[in-house]
C-alpha cells in the first residue's frame, strides 16, 4: 500500500509542477508578445 500511495503522491506532485510550469511559460510568452507589440508600435511611431 505504501508504495502505491507514494507513487500516487509523486504523480500528483508532478502534475501540479507541470501545471505551474506551463502557466509560467504561458505568462512568459504573453509578456514576450506584448513586448514585441510595443516595439513594433515604437518602430512605427519613430519611423
PDB file of N, CA and C in Angstrom:
ATOM      1  N   UNK A   1       0.827  -1.207   0.000  1.00  0.00           N
ATOM      2  CA  UNK A   1       0.000   0.000   0.000  1.00  0.00           C
ATOM      3  C   UNK A   1       0.859   1.253   0.000  1.00  0.00           C
ATOM      4  N   UNK A   2       1.879   1.273   0.818  1.00  0.00           N
ATOM      5  CA  UNK A   2       2.688   2.495   0.918  1.00  0.00           C
ATOM      6  C   UNK A   2       3.363   2.814  -0.412  1.00  0.00           C
ATOM      7  N   UNK A   3       3.753   1.772  -1.147  1.00  0.00           N
ATOM      8  CA  UNK A   3       4.394   2.012  -2.445  1.00  0.00           C
ATOM      9  C   UNK A   3       3.411   2.683  -3.397  1.00  0.00           C
ATOM     10  N   UNK A   4       2.170   2.189  -3.409  1.00  0.00           N
ATOM     11  CA  UNK A   4       1.155   2.759  -4.310  1.00  0.00           C
ATOM     12  C   UNK A   4       0.861   4.205  -3.928  1.00  0.00           C
ATOM     13  N   UNK A   5       0.726   4.469  -2.641  1.00  0.00           N
ATOM     14  CA  UNK A   5       0.416   5.835  -2.222  1.00  0.00           C
ATOM     15  C   UNK A   5       1.572   6.777  -2.538  1.00  0.00           C
ATOM     16  N   UNK A   6       2.802   6.316  -2.360  1.00  0.00           N
ATOM     17  CA  UNK A   6       3.951   7.172  -2.670  1.00  0.00           C
ATOM     18  C   UNK A   6       4.010   7.469  -4.163  1.00  0.00           C
ATOM     19  N   UNK A   7       3.705   6.473  -4.993  1.00  0.00           N
ATOM     20  CA  UNK A   7       3.683   6.696  -6.445  1.00  0.00           C
ATOM     21  C   UNK A   7       2.590   7.702  -6.796  1.00  0.00           C
ATOM     22  N   UNK A   8       1.417   7.550  -6.179  1.00  0.00           N
ATOM     23  CA  UNK A   8       0.327   8.487  -6.446  1.00  0.00           C
ATOM     24  C   UNK A   8       0.723   9.893  -6.020  1.00  0.00           C
ATOM     25  N   UNK A   9       1.398  10.015  -4.874  1.00  0.00           N
ATOM     26  CA  UNK A   9       1.832  11.329  -4.413  1.00  0.00           C
ATOM     27  C   UNK A   9       2.826  11.940  -5.396  1.00  0.00           C
ATOM     28  N   UNK A  10       3.762  11.121  -5.891  1.00  0.00           N
ATOM     29  CA  UNK A  10       4.740  11.631  -6.852  1.00  0.00           C
ATOM     30  C   UNK A  10       4.059  12.086  -8.135  1.00  0.00           C
ATOM     31  N   UNK A  11       3.105  11.288  -8.611  1.00  0.00           N
ATOM     32  CA  UNK A  11       2.385  11.657  -9.835  1.00  0.00           C
ATOM     33  C   UNK A  11       1.608  12.954  -9.623  1.00  0.00           C
ATOM     34  N   UNK A  12       0.948  13.063  -8.467  1.00  0.00           N
ATOM     35  CA  UNK A  12       0.185  14.271  -8.175  1.00  0.00           C
ATOM     36  C   UNK A  12       1.111  15.473  -8.090  1.00  0.00           C
ATOM     37  N   UNK A  13       2.255  15.327  -7.430  1.00  0.00           N
ATOM     38  CA  UNK A  13       3.216  16.413  -7.308  1.00  0.00           C
ATOM     39  C   UNK A  13       3.726  16.825  -8.679  1.00  0.00           C
ATOM     40  N   UNK A  14       3.995  15.844  -9.543  1.00  0.00           N
ATOM     41  CA  UNK A  14       4.499  16.141 -10.882  1.00  0.00           C
ATOM     42  C   UNK A  14       3.451  16.888 -11.699  1.00  0.00           C
ATOM     43  N   UNK A  15       2.180  16.488 -11.575  1.00  0.00           N
ATOM     44  CA  UNK A  15       1.130  17.162 -12.341  1.00  0.00           C
ATOM     45  C   UNK A  15       0.982  18.608 -11.876  1.00  0.00           C
ATOM     46  N   UNK A  16       1.059  18.841 -10.566  1.00  0.00           N
ATOM     47  CA  UNK A  16       0.978  20.209 -10.051  1.00  0.00           C
ATOM     48  C   UNK A  16       2.165  21.016 -10.558  1.00  0.00           C
ATOM     49  N   UNK A  17       3.361  20.439 -10.509  1.00  0.00           N
ATOM     50  CA  UNK A  17       4.552  21.123 -11.000  1.00  0.00           C
ATOM     51  C   UNK A  17       4.417  21.420 -12.483  1.00  0.00           C
ATOM     52  N   UNK A  18       3.878  20.475 -13.248  1.00  0.00           N
ATOM     53  CA  UNK A  18       3.704  20.669 -14.690  1.00  0.00           C
ATOM     54  C   UNK A  18       2.719  21.805 -14.953  1.00  0.00           C
ATOM     55  N   UNK A  19       1.636  21.868 -14.175  1.00  0.00           N
ATOM     56  CA  UNK A  19       0.670  22.955 -14.336  1.00  0.00           C
ATOM     57  C   UNK A  19       1.330  24.293 -14.040  1.00  0.00           C
ATOM     58  N   UNK A  20       2.128  24.358 -12.982  1.00  0.00           N
ATOM     59  CA  UNK A  20       2.803  25.611 -12.644  1.00  0.00           C
ATOM     60  C   UNK A  20       3.771  26.004 -13.753  1.00  0.00           C
ATOM     61  N   UNK A  21       4.503  25.020 -14.281  1.00  0.00           N
ATOM     62  CA  UNK A  21       5.487  25.323 -15.313  1.00  0.00           C
ATOM     63  C   UNK A  21       4.804  25.812 -16.587  1.00  0.00           C
ATOM     64  N   UNK A  22       3.710  25.160 -16.980  1.00  0.00           N
ATOM     65  CA  UNK A  22       3.009  25.589 -18.191  1.00  0.00           C
ATOM     66  C   UNK A  22       2.431  26.986 -17.991  1.00  0.00           C
ATOM     67  N   UNK A  23       1.943  27.283 -16.791  1.00  0.00           N
ATOM     68  CA  UNK A  23       1.438  28.621 -16.511  1.00  0.00           C
ATOM     69  C   UNK A  23       2.546  29.651 -16.635  1.00  0.00           C
ATOM     70  N   UNK A  24       3.728  29.321 -16.139  1.00  0.00           N
ATOM     71  CA  UNK A  24       4.865  30.225 -16.234  1.00  0.00           C
ATOM     72  C   UNK A  24       5.246  30.447 -17.686  1.00  0.00           C
ATOM     73  N   UNK A  25       5.271  29.377 -18.467  1.00  0.00           N
ATOM     74  CA  UNK A  25       5.606  29.512 -19.884  1.00  0.00           C
ATOM     75  C   UNK A  25       4.569  30.360 -20.610  1.00  0.00           C
ATOM     76  N   UNK A  26       3.298  30.192 -20.271  1.00  0.00           N
ATOM     77  CA  UNK A  26       2.247  30.988 -20.906  1.00  0.00           C
ATOM     78  C   UNK A  26       2.420  32.465 -20.579  1.00  0.00           C
ATOM     79  N   UNK A  27       2.684  32.790 -19.310  1.00  0.00           N
ATOM     80  CA  UNK A  27       2.859  34.185 -18.927  1.00  0.00           C
ATOM     81  C   UNK A  27       4.095  34.773 -19.599  1.00  0.00           C
ATOM     82  N   UNK A  28       5.169  33.977 -19.719  1.00  0.00           N
ATOM     83  CA  UNK A  28       6.370  34.462 -20.393  1.00  0.00           C
ATOM     84  C   UNK A  28       6.087  34.743 -21.858  1.00  0.00           C
ATOM     85  N   UNK A  29       5.382  33.847 -22.527  1.00  0.00           N
ATOM     86  CA  UNK A  29       5.076  34.054 -23.945  1.00  0.00           C
ATOM     87  C   UNK A  29       4.171  35.266 -24.120  1.00  0.00           C
ATOM     88  N   UNK A  30       3.199  35.449 -23.226  1.00  0.00           N
ATOM     89  CA  UNK A  30       2.328  36.621 -23.305  1.00  0.00           C
ATOM     90  C   UNK A  30       3.139  37.894 -23.117  1.00  0.00           C
ATOM     91  N   UNK A  31       4.060  37.903 -22.152  1.00  0.00           N
ATOM     92  CA  UNK A  31       4.908  39.065 -21.917  1.00  0.00           C
ATOM     93  C   UNK A  31       5.777  39.349 -23.134  1.00  0.00           C
ATOM     94  N   UNK A  32       6.316  38.305 -23.759  1.00  0.00           N
ATOM     95  CA  UNK A  32       7.150  38.466 -24.947  1.00  0.00           C
ATOM     96  C   UNK A  32       6.334  39.052 -26.095  1.00  0.00           C
ATOM     97  N   UNK A  33       5.098  38.565 -26.266  1.00  0.00           N
ATOM     98  CA  UNK A  33       4.228  39.085 -27.336  1.00  0.00           C
ATOM     99  C   UNK A  33       3.921  40.557 -27.082  1.00  0.00           C
ATOM    100  N   UNK A  34       3.614  40.906 -25.841  1.00  0.00           N
ATOM    101  CA  UNK A  34       3.330  42.303 -25.516  1.00  0.00           C
ATOM    102  C   UNK A  34       4.550  43.169 -25.788  1.00  0.00           C
ATOM    103  N   UNK A  35       5.728  42.669 -25.428  1.00  0.00           N
ATOM    104  CA  UNK A  35       6.959  43.427 -25.649  1.00  0.00           C
ATOM    105  C   UNK A  35       7.184  43.638 -27.145  1.00  0.00           C
ATOM    106  N   UNK A  36       6.982  42.606 -27.945  1.00  0.00           N
ATOM    107  CA  UNK A  36       7.161  42.727 -29.390  1.00  0.00           C
ATOM    108  C   UNK A  36       6.154  43.718 -29.969  1.00  0.00           C
ATOM    109  N   UNK A  37       4.908  43.675 -29.498  1.00  0.00           N
ATOM    110  CA  UNK A  37       3.900  44.612 -29.981  1.00  0.00           C
ATOM    111  C   UNK A  37       4.300  46.043 -29.633  1.00  0.00           C
ATOM    112  N   UNK A  38       4.805  46.261 -28.425  1.00  0.00           N
ATOM    113  CA  UNK A  38       5.232  47.600 -28.024  1.00  0.00           C
ATOM    114  C   UNK A  38       6.393  48.062 -28.887  1.00  0.00           C
ATOM    115  N   UNK A  39       7.335  47.154 -29.168  1.00  0.00           N
ATOM    116  CA  UNK A  39       8.470  47.520 -30.007  1.00  0.00           C
ATOM    117  C   UNK A  39       8.002  47.880 -31.411  1.00  0.00           C
ATOM    118  N   UNK A  40       7.039  47.114 -31.931  1.00  0.00           N
ATOM    119  CA  UNK A  40       6.509  47.421 -33.263  1.00  0.00           C
ATOM    120  C   UNK A  40       5.837  48.792 -33.252  1.00  0.00           C
ATOM    121  N   UNK A  41       5.081  49.075 -32.195  1.00  0.00           N
ATOM    122  CA  UNK A  41       4.425  50.379 -32.098  1.00  0.00           C
ATOM    123  C   UNK A  41       5.471  51.486 -32.032  1.00  0.00           C
ATOM    124  N   UNK A  42       6.528  51.286 -31.259  1.00  0.00           N
ATOM    125  CA  UNK A  42       7.595  52.282 -31.170  1.00  0.00           C
ATOM    126  C   UNK A  42       8.255  52.469 -32.526  1.00  0.00           C
ATOM    127  N   UNK A  43       8.489  51.365 -33.231  1.00  0.00           N
ATOM    128  CA  UNK A  43       9.132  51.449 -34.543  1.00  0.00           C
ATOM    129  C   UNK A  43       8.249  52.242 -35.506  1.00  0.00           C
ATOM    130  N   UNK A  44       6.938  52.022 -35.436  1.00  0.00           N
ATOM    131  CA  UNK A  44       6.036  52.744 -36.332  1.00  0.00           C
ATOM    132  C   UNK A  44       5.988  54.226 -35.976  1.00  0.00           C
ATOM    133  N   UNK A  45       5.991  54.553 -34.689  1.00  0.00           N
ATOM    134  CA  UNK A  45       5.886  55.957 -34.301  1.00  0.00           C
ATOM    135  C   UNK A  45       7.178  56.702 -34.613  1.00  0.00           C
ATOM    136  N   UNK A  46       8.321  56.043 -34.486  1.00  0.00           N
ATOM    137  CA  UNK A  46       9.598  56.722 -34.718  1.00  0.00           C
ATOM    138  C   UNK A  46       9.953  56.788 -36.199  1.00  0.00           C
ATOM    139  N   UNK A  47       9.411  55.893 -37.018  1.00  0.00           N
ATOM    140  CA  UNK A  47       9.776  55.893 -38.434  1.00  0.00           C
ATOM    141  C   UNK A  47       9.047  57.008 -39.194  1.00  0.00           C
TER     142      UNK A  47
END
